[in-house]
All heavy atoms as atom14 arrays in JSON, in Angstrom:
{
  "sequence": "LKLNPGVERSEYLMANFGRTGTDLARIMELGSAKIG",
  "atom14_mask": [
    [1, 1, 1, 1, 1, 1, 1, 1, 0, 0, 0, 0, 0, 0],
    [1, 1, 1, 1, 1, 1, 1, 1, 1, 0, 0, 0, 0, 0],
    [1, 1, 1, 1, 1, 1, 1, 1, 0, 0, 0, 0, 0, 0],
    [1, 1, 1, 1, 1, 1, 1, 1, 0, 0, 0, 0, 0, 0],
    [1, 1, 1, 1, 1, 1, 1, 0, 0, 0, 0, 0, 0, 0],
    [1, 1, 1, 1, 0, 0, 0, 0, 0, 0, 0, 0, 0, 0],
    [1, 1, 1, 1, 1, 1, 1, 0, 0, 0, 0, 0, 0, 0],
    [1, 1, 1, 1, 1, 1, 1, 1, 1, 0, 0, 0, 0, 0],
    [1, 1, 1, 1, 1, 1, 1, 1, 1, 1, 1, 0, 0, 0],
    [1, 1, 1, 1, 1, 1, 0, 0, 0, 0, 0, 0, 0, 0],
    [1, 1, 1, 1, 1, 1, 1, 1, 1, 0, 0, 0, 0, 0],
    [1, 1, 1, 1, 1, 1, 1, 1, 1, 1, 1, 1, 0, 0],
    [1, 1, 1, 1, 1, 1, 1, 1, 0, 0, 0, 0, 0, 0],
    [1, 1, 1, 1, 1, 1, 1, 1, 0, 0, 0, 0, 0, 0],
    [1, 1, 1, 1, 1, 0, 0, 0, 0, 0, 0, 0, 0, 0],
    [1, 1, 1, 1, 1, 1, 1, 1, 0, 0, 0, 0, 0, 0],
    [1, 1, 1, 1, 1, 1, 1, 1, 1, 1, 1, 0, 0, 0],
    [1, 1, 1, 1, 0, 0, 0, 0, 0, 0, 0, 0, 0, 0],
    [1, 1, 1, 1, 1, 1, 1, 1, 1, 1, 1, 0, 0, 0],
    [1, 1, 1, 1, 1, 1, 1, 0, 0, 0, 0, 0, 0, 0],
    [1, 1, 1, 1, 0, 0, 0, 0, 0, 0, 0, 0, 0, 0],
    [1, 1, 1, 1, 1, 1, 1, 0, 0, 0, 0, 0, 0, 0],
    [1, 1, 1, 1, 1, 1, 1, 1, 0, 0, 0, 0, 0, 0],
    [1, 1, 1, 1, 1, 1, 1, 1, 0, 0, 0, 0, 0, 0],
    [1, 1, 1, 1, 1, 0, 0, 0, 0, 0, 0, 0, 0, 0],
    [1, 1, 1, 1, 1, 1, 1, 1, 1, 1, 1, 0, 0, 0],
    [1, 1, 1, 1, 1, 1, 1, 1, 0, 0, 0, 0, 0, 0],
    [1, 1, 1, 1, 1, 1, 1, 1, 0, 0, 0, 0, 0, 0],
    [1, 1, 1, 1, 1, 1, 1, 1, 1, 0, 0, 0, 0, 0],
    [1, 1, 1, 1, 1, 1, 1, 1, 0, 0, 0, 0, 0, 0],
    [1, 1, 1, 1, 0, 0, 0, 0, 0, 0, 0, 0, 0, 0],
    [1, 1, 1, 1, 1, 1, 0, 0, 0, 0, 0, 0, 0, 0],
    [1, 1, 1, 1, 1, 0, 0, 0, 0, 0, 0, 0, 0, 0],
    [1, 1, 1, 1, 1, 1, 1, 1, 1, 0, 0, 0, 0, 0],
    [1, 1, 1, 1, 1, 1, 1, 1, 0, 0, 0, 0, 0, 0],
    [1, 1, 1, 1, 0, 0, 0, 0, 0, 0, 0, 0, 0, 0]
  ],
  "atom14_positions": [
    [[40.25, 0.97, -1.34], [39.85, 1.48, -2.64], [39.33, 0.33, -3.61], [38.74, 0.59, -4.61], [41.03, 2.17, -3.28], [41.39, 3.56, -2.64], [42.64, 4.14, -3.24], [40.18, 4.52, -2.74], [0.0, 0.0, 0.0], [0.0, 0.0, 0.0], [0.0, 0.0, 0.0], [0.0, 0.0, 0.0], [0.0, 0.0, 0.0], [0.0, 0.0, 0.0]],
    [[39.69, -0.91, -3.26], [39.3, -2.05, -4.09], [37.79, -2.45, -3.76], [37.18, -3.24, -4.56], [40.18, -3.27, -3.9], [41.59, -3.01, -4.41], [42.51, -4.24, -4.13], [43.91, -4.02, -4.64], [44.82, -5.17, -4.36], [0.0, 0.0, 0.0], [0.0, 0.0, 0.0], [0.0, 0.0, 0.0], [0.0, 0.0, 0.0], [0.0, 0.0, 0.0]],
    [[37.33, -1.95, -2.7], [35.97, -2.22, -2.27], [34.93, -1.31, -2.92], [35.33, -0.23, -3.39], [35.81, -2.12, -0.75], [36.72, -2.94, 0.15], [36.59, -2.63, 1.57], [36.41, -4.43, -0.05], [0.0, 0.0, 0.0], [0.0, 0.0, 0.0], [0.0, 0.0, 0.0], [0.0, 0.0, 0.0], [0.0, 0.0, 0.0], [0.0, 0.0, 0.0]],
    [[33.71, -1.73, -2.98], [32.68, -0.91, -3.59], [32.41, 0.27, -2.64], [32.31, 0.09, -1.42], [31.38, -1.73, -3.77], [31.54, -2.81, -4.86], [32.18, -2.61, -5.91], [30.96, -3.98, -4.56], [0.0, 0.0, 0.0], [0.0, 0.0, 0.0], [0.0, 0.0, 0.0], [0.0, 0.0, 0.0], [0.0, 0.0, 0.0], [0.0, 0.0, 0.0]],
    [[32.21, 1.5, -3.22], [31.88, 2.69, -2.44], [30.59, 2.4, -1.66], [29.72, 1.74, -2.12], [31.72, 3.75, -3.51], [32.57, 3.32, -4.63], [32.39, 1.79, -4.67], [0.0, 0.0, 0.0], [0.0, 0.0, 0.0], [0.0, 0.0, 0.0], [0.0, 0.0, 0.0], [0.0, 0.0, 0.0], [0.0, 0.0, 0.0], [0.0, 0.0, 0.0]],
    [[30.5, 3.04, -0.46], [29.27, 2.97, 0.27], [29.46, 1.94, 1.45], [30.34, 2.03, 2.24], [0.0, 0.0, 0.0], [0.0, 0.0, 0.0], [0.0, 0.0, 0.0], [0.0, 0.0, 0.0], [0.0, 0.0, 0.0], [0.0, 0.0, 0.0], [0.0, 0.0, 0.0], [0.0, 0.0, 0.0], [0.0, 0.0, 0.0], [0.0, 0.0, 0.0]],
    [[28.5, 0.99, 1.53], [28.45, 0.1, 2.66], [29.76, -0.72, 2.9], [30.22, -0.82, 3.97], [27.26, -0.88, 2.55], [27.25, -1.85, 3.71], [25.97, -0.09, 2.53], [0.0, 0.0, 0.0], [0.0, 0.0, 0.0], [0.0, 0.0, 0.0], [0.0, 0.0, 0.0], [0.0, 0.0, 0.0], [0.0, 0.0, 0.0], [0.0, 0.0, 0.0]],
    [[30.25, -1.28, 1.78], [31.52, -2.1, 1.91], [32.66, -1.29, 2.53], [33.37, -1.87, 3.42], [31.84, -2.67, 0.53], [30.99, -3.85, 0.08], [31.53, -4.52, -1.13], [32.77, -4.33, -1.48], [30.8, -5.21, -1.82], [0.0, 0.0, 0.0], [0.0, 0.0, 0.0], [0.0, 0.0, 0.0], [0.0, 0.0, 0.0], [0.0, 0.0, 0.0]],
    [[32.86, -0.13, 2.08], [33.96, 0.65, 2.55], [33.7, 1.09, 4.03], [34.6, 1.05, 4.87], [34.18, 1.88, 1.7], [34.74, 1.5, 0.26], [35.05, 2.74, -0.49], [35.6, 2.32, -1.84], [36.08, 3.25, -2.73], [35.98, 4.52, -2.46], [36.59, 2.78, -3.85], [0.0, 0.0, 0.0], [0.0, 0.0, 0.0], [0.0, 0.0, 0.0]],
    [[32.49, 1.42, 4.35], [32.13, 1.84, 5.73], [32.36, 0.63, 6.72], [32.9, 0.79, 7.84], [30.73, 2.32, 5.83], [30.58, 3.55, 5.08], [0.0, 0.0, 0.0], [0.0, 0.0, 0.0], [0.0, 0.0, 0.0], [0.0, 0.0, 0.0], [0.0, 0.0, 0.0], [0.0, 0.0, 0.0], [0.0, 0.0, 0.0], [0.0, 0.0, 0.0]],
    [[31.91, -0.51, 6.29], [32.1, -1.72, 7.07], [33.58, -2.03, 7.34], [34.01, -2.45, 8.39], [31.39, -2.88, 6.45], [29.96, -2.82, 6.54], [29.22, -4.0, 5.87], [29.92, -4.71, 5.01], [28.02, -4.21, 6.1], [0.0, 0.0, 0.0], [0.0, 0.0, 0.0], [0.0, 0.0, 0.0], [0.0, 0.0, 0.0], [0.0, 0.0, 0.0]],
    [[34.34, -1.78, 6.26], [35.82, -2.06, 6.35], [36.47, -1.11, 7.38], [37.24, -1.49, 8.21], [36.49, -1.8, 4.93], [37.99, -1.94, 4.98], [38.6, -3.2, 4.82], [38.79, -0.86, 5.01], [39.95, -3.33, 4.83], [40.14, -0.95, 5.02], [40.76, -2.25, 4.9], [42.15, -2.37, 4.87], [0.0, 0.0, 0.0], [0.0, 0.0, 0.0]],
    [[36.08, 0.09, 7.35], [36.65, 1.11, 8.29], [36.16, 0.76, 9.77], [37.06, 0.78, 10.63], [36.2, 2.52, 7.86], [36.75, 3.11, 6.62], [36.16, 4.46, 6.33], [38.32, 3.21, 6.7], [0.0, 0.0, 0.0], [0.0, 0.0, 0.0], [0.0, 0.0, 0.0], [0.0, 0.0, 0.0], [0.0, 0.0, 0.0], [0.0, 0.0, 0.0]],
    [[34.99, 0.46, 9.91], [34.52, 0.15, 11.27], [34.99, -1.13, 11.8], [35.29, -1.29, 12.98], [32.96, 0.15, 11.33], [32.31, 1.57, 11.15], [30.6, 1.64, 11.45], [30.0, 0.91, 9.97], [0.0, 0.0, 0.0], [0.0, 0.0, 0.0], [0.0, 0.0, 0.0], [0.0, 0.0, 0.0], [0.0, 0.0, 0.0], [0.0, 0.0, 0.0]],
    [[35.26, -2.06, 10.93], [35.88, -3.4, 11.3], [37.28, -3.29, 11.78], [37.73, -3.95, 12.69], [35.86, -4.37, 10.14], [0.0, 0.0, 0.0], [0.0, 0.0, 0.0], [0.0, 0.0, 0.0], [0.0, 0.0, 0.0], [0.0, 0.0, 0.0], [0.0, 0.0, 0.0], [0.0, 0.0, 0.0], [0.0, 0.0, 0.0], [0.0, 0.0, 0.0]],
    [[37.99, -2.28, 11.23], [39.37, -2.09, 11.5], [39.68, -0.98, 12.56], [40.67, -0.98, 13.24], [40.2, -1.81, 10.27], [40.35, -3.08, 9.4], [41.09, -3.98, 9.74], [39.63, -3.04, 8.28], [0.0, 0.0, 0.0], [0.0, 0.0, 0.0], [0.0, 0.0, 0.0], [0.0, 0.0, 0.0], [0.0, 0.0, 0.0], [0.0, 0.0, 0.0]],
    [[38.75, 0.03, 12.63], [38.98, 1.17, 13.51], [37.82, 1.46, 14.4], [37.74, 2.58, 15.01], [39.31, 2.44, 12.65], [40.55, 2.27, 11.79], [40.44, 2.06, 10.42], [41.83, 2.36, 12.35], [41.56, 1.97, 9.65], [42.95, 2.26, 11.58], [42.82, 2.06, 10.23], [0.0, 0.0, 0.0], [0.0, 0.0, 0.0], [0.0, 0.0, 0.0]],
    [[36.87, 0.56, 14.53], [35.66, 0.76, 15.38], [34.76, 1.84, 14.87], [34.76, 2.23, 13.66], [0.0, 0.0, 0.0], [0.0, 0.0, 0.0], [0.0, 0.0, 0.0], [0.0, 0.0, 0.0], [0.0, 0.0, 0.0], [0.0, 0.0, 0.0], [0.0, 0.0, 0.0], [0.0, 0.0, 0.0], [0.0, 0.0, 0.0], [0.0, 0.0, 0.0]],
    [[33.9, 2.31, 15.77], [32.88, 3.26, 15.35], [33.46, 4.57, 14.85], [32.75, 5.25, 14.06], [31.95, 3.54, 16.56], [31.07, 2.44, 16.95], [30.21, 2.74, 18.2], [31.11, 3.0, 19.4], [30.61, 3.36, 20.5], [29.39, 3.56, 20.72], [31.45, 3.56, 21.59], [0.0, 0.0, 0.0], [0.0, 0.0, 0.0], [0.0, 0.0, 0.0]],
    [[34.66, 4.88, 15.18], [35.28, 6.18, 14.7], [36.0, 5.93, 13.36], [36.57, 6.9, 12.87], [36.24, 6.73, 15.69], [37.28, 5.68, 15.94], [35.58, 7.01, 17.02], [0.0, 0.0, 0.0], [0.0, 0.0, 0.0], [0.0, 0.0, 0.0], [0.0, 0.0, 0.0], [0.0, 0.0, 0.0], [0.0, 0.0, 0.0], [0.0, 0.0, 0.0]],
    [[35.91, 4.8, 12.84], [36.64, 4.45, 11.64], [36.28, 5.33, 10.39], [37.17, 5.6, 9.59], [0.0, 0.0, 0.0], [0.0, 0.0, 0.0], [0.0, 0.0, 0.0], [0.0, 0.0, 0.0], [0.0, 0.0, 0.0], [0.0, 0.0, 0.0], [0.0, 0.0, 0.0], [0.0, 0.0, 0.0], [0.0, 0.0, 0.0], [0.0, 0.0, 0.0]],
    [[35.06, 5.67, 10.33], [34.63, 6.48, 9.17], [35.22, 7.87, 9.14], [35.27, 8.52, 8.1], [33.07, 6.63, 9.12], [32.64, 7.14, 10.39], [32.46, 5.23, 8.87], [0.0, 0.0, 0.0], [0.0, 0.0, 0.0], [0.0, 0.0, 0.0], [0.0, 0.0, 0.0], [0.0, 0.0, 0.0], [0.0, 0.0, 0.0], [0.0, 0.0, 0.0]],
    [[35.79, 8.28, 10.25], [36.54, 9.6, 10.37], [37.84, 9.55, 9.47], [38.25, 10.58, 9.08], [36.9, 9.94, 11.78], [35.71, 10.26, 12.65], [34.69, 10.78, 12.09], [35.85, 10.13, 13.88], [0.0, 0.0, 0.0], [0.0, 0.0, 0.0], [0.0, 0.0, 0.0], [0.0, 0.0, 0.0], [0.0, 0.0, 0.0], [0.0, 0.0, 0.0]],
    [[38.3, 8.35, 9.23], [39.53, 8.16, 8.4], [39.19, 7.96, 6.9], [40.11, 7.77, 6.14], [40.32, 7.03, 8.9], [40.78, 7.13, 10.35], [41.73, 5.88, 10.65], [41.5, 8.36, 10.64], [0.0, 0.0, 0.0], [0.0, 0.0, 0.0], [0.0, 0.0, 0.0], [0.0, 0.0, 0.0], [0.0, 0.0, 0.0], [0.0, 0.0, 0.0]],
    [[37.94, 8.11, 6.49], [37.58, 7.8, 5.15], [38.36, 8.7, 4.16], [38.84, 8.16, 3.14], [36.08, 7.99, 4.96], [0.0, 0.0, 0.0], [0.0, 0.0, 0.0], [0.0, 0.0, 0.0], [0.0, 0.0, 0.0], [0.0, 0.0, 0.0], [0.0, 0.0, 0.0], [0.0, 0.0, 0.0], [0.0, 0.0, 0.0], [0.0, 0.0, 0.0]],
    [[38.51, 9.95, 4.45], [39.23, 10.82, 3.52], [40.66, 10.43, 3.37], [41.27, 10.64, 2.26], [39.11, 12.27, 3.98], [37.74, 12.94, 3.67], [37.53, 14.22, 4.4], [37.25, 14.04, 5.8], [36.96, 14.97, 6.65], [36.94, 16.21, 6.23], [36.7, 14.66, 7.9], [0.0, 0.0, 0.0], [0.0, 0.0, 0.0], [0.0, 0.0, 0.0]],
    [[41.31, 9.9, 4.38], [42.68, 9.43, 4.29], [42.67, 8.11, 3.46], [43.53, 7.96, 2.6], [43.27, 9.18, 5.64], [43.36, 10.54, 6.44], [44.65, 8.58, 5.56], [43.83, 10.4, 7.91], [0.0, 0.0, 0.0], [0.0, 0.0, 0.0], [0.0, 0.0, 0.0], [0.0, 0.0, 0.0], [0.0, 0.0, 0.0], [0.0, 0.0, 0.0]],
    [[41.72, 7.22, 3.74], [41.73, 5.98, 3.01], [41.51, 6.14, 1.48], [41.86, 5.28, 0.67], [40.64, 5.09, 3.66], [40.9, 4.55, 5.06], [42.31, 3.41, 5.09], [43.57, 4.38, 5.94], [0.0, 0.0, 0.0], [0.0, 0.0, 0.0], [0.0, 0.0, 0.0], [0.0, 0.0, 0.0], [0.0, 0.0, 0.0], [0.0, 0.0, 0.0]],
    [[40.91, 7.22, 1.11], [40.61, 7.49, -0.32], [41.89, 7.94, -1.09], [41.79, 8.05, -2.3], [39.55, 8.53, -0.46], [38.14, 8.0, 0.01], [37.17, 9.16, 0.18], [37.53, 10.3, -0.11], [35.99, 8.84, 0.53], [0.0, 0.0, 0.0], [0.0, 0.0, 0.0], [0.0, 0.0, 0.0], [0.0, 0.0, 0.0], [0.0, 0.0, 0.0]],
    [[43.05, 8.13, -0.42], [44.16, 8.63, -1.07], [45.02, 7.58, -1.81], [45.53, 7.88, -2.85], [45.08, 9.31, 0.01], [44.58, 10.56, 0.69], [45.44, 11.02, 1.86], [44.44, 11.71, -0.33], [0.0, 0.0, 0.0], [0.0, 0.0, 0.0], [0.0, 0.0, 0.0], [0.0, 0.0, 0.0], [0.0, 0.0, 0.0], [0.0, 0.0, 0.0]],
    [[45.08, 6.37, -1.24], [45.95, 5.37, -1.84], [47.34, 5.45, -1.2], [47.77, 6.5, -0.7], [0.0, 0.0, 0.0], [0.0, 0.0, 0.0], [0.0, 0.0, 0.0], [0.0, 0.0, 0.0], [0.0, 0.0, 0.0], [0.0, 0.0, 0.0], [0.0, 0.0, 0.0], [0.0, 0.0, 0.0], [0.0, 0.0, 0.0], [0.0, 0.0, 0.0]],
    [[48.07, 4.34, -1.26], [49.36, 4.27, -0.54], [50.35, 5.23, -1.07], [51.16, 5.82, -0.3], [49.86, 2.81, -0.65], [50.07, 2.43, -2.05], [0.0, 0.0, 0.0], [0.0, 0.0, 0.0], [0.0, 0.0, 0.0], [0.0, 0.0, 0.0], [0.0, 0.0, 0.0], [0.0, 0.0, 0.0], [0.0, 0.0, 0.0], [0.0, 0.0, 0.0]],
    [[50.39, 5.47, -2.39], [51.45, 6.28, -3.02], [51.28, 7.79, -2.51], [52.22, 8.41, -2.05], [51.36, 6.26, -4.53], [0.0, 0.0, 0.0], [0.0, 0.0, 0.0], [0.0, 0.0, 0.0], [0.0, 0.0, 0.0], [0.0, 0.0, 0.0], [0.0, 0.0, 0.0], [0.0, 0.0, 0.0], [0.0, 0.0, 0.0], [0.0, 0.0, 0.0]],
    [[49.99, 8.21, -2.41], [49.74, 9.61, -2.05], [49.95, 9.78, -0.56], [50.58, 10.82, -0.1], [48.37, 10.01, -2.37], [47.96, 11.46, -2.1], [48.82, 12.36, -2.9], [48.47, 13.84, -2.67], [49.34, 14.81, -3.37], [0.0, 0.0, 0.0], [0.0, 0.0, 0.0], [0.0, 0.0, 0.0], [0.0, 0.0, 0.0], [0.0, 0.0, 0.0]],
    [[49.6, 8.81, 0.24], [49.76, 8.85, 1.65], [51.31, 8.87, 2.01], [51.73, 9.7, 2.85], [49.15, 7.61, 2.45], [47.65, 7.83, 2.36], [49.59, 7.58, 3.89], [46.82, 6.6, 2.91], [0.0, 0.0, 0.0], [0.0, 0.0, 0.0], [0.0, 0.0, 0.0], [0.0, 0.0, 0.0], [0.0, 0.0, 0.0], [0.0, 0.0, 0.0]],
    [[52.1, 8.03, 1.3], [53.49, 8.07, 1.56], [54.08, 9.4, 1.11], [55.02, 9.91, 1.8], [0.0, 0.0, 0.0], [0.0, 0.0, 0.0], [0.0, 0.0, 0.0], [0.0, 0.0, 0.0], [0.0, 0.0, 0.0], [0.0, 0.0, 0.0], [0.0, 0.0, 0.0], [0.0, 0.0, 0.0], [0.0, 0.0, 0.0], [0.0, 0.0, 0.0]]
  ]
}
């Protein structure tokens, strides 16, 4: 969430979760408090 929306966030997801990383975007948009 500290990254700029768009390319930066997509690159972050793919760097950490591979090509399927963008599938987790909706979860990543929640923040730690909401996920917990």
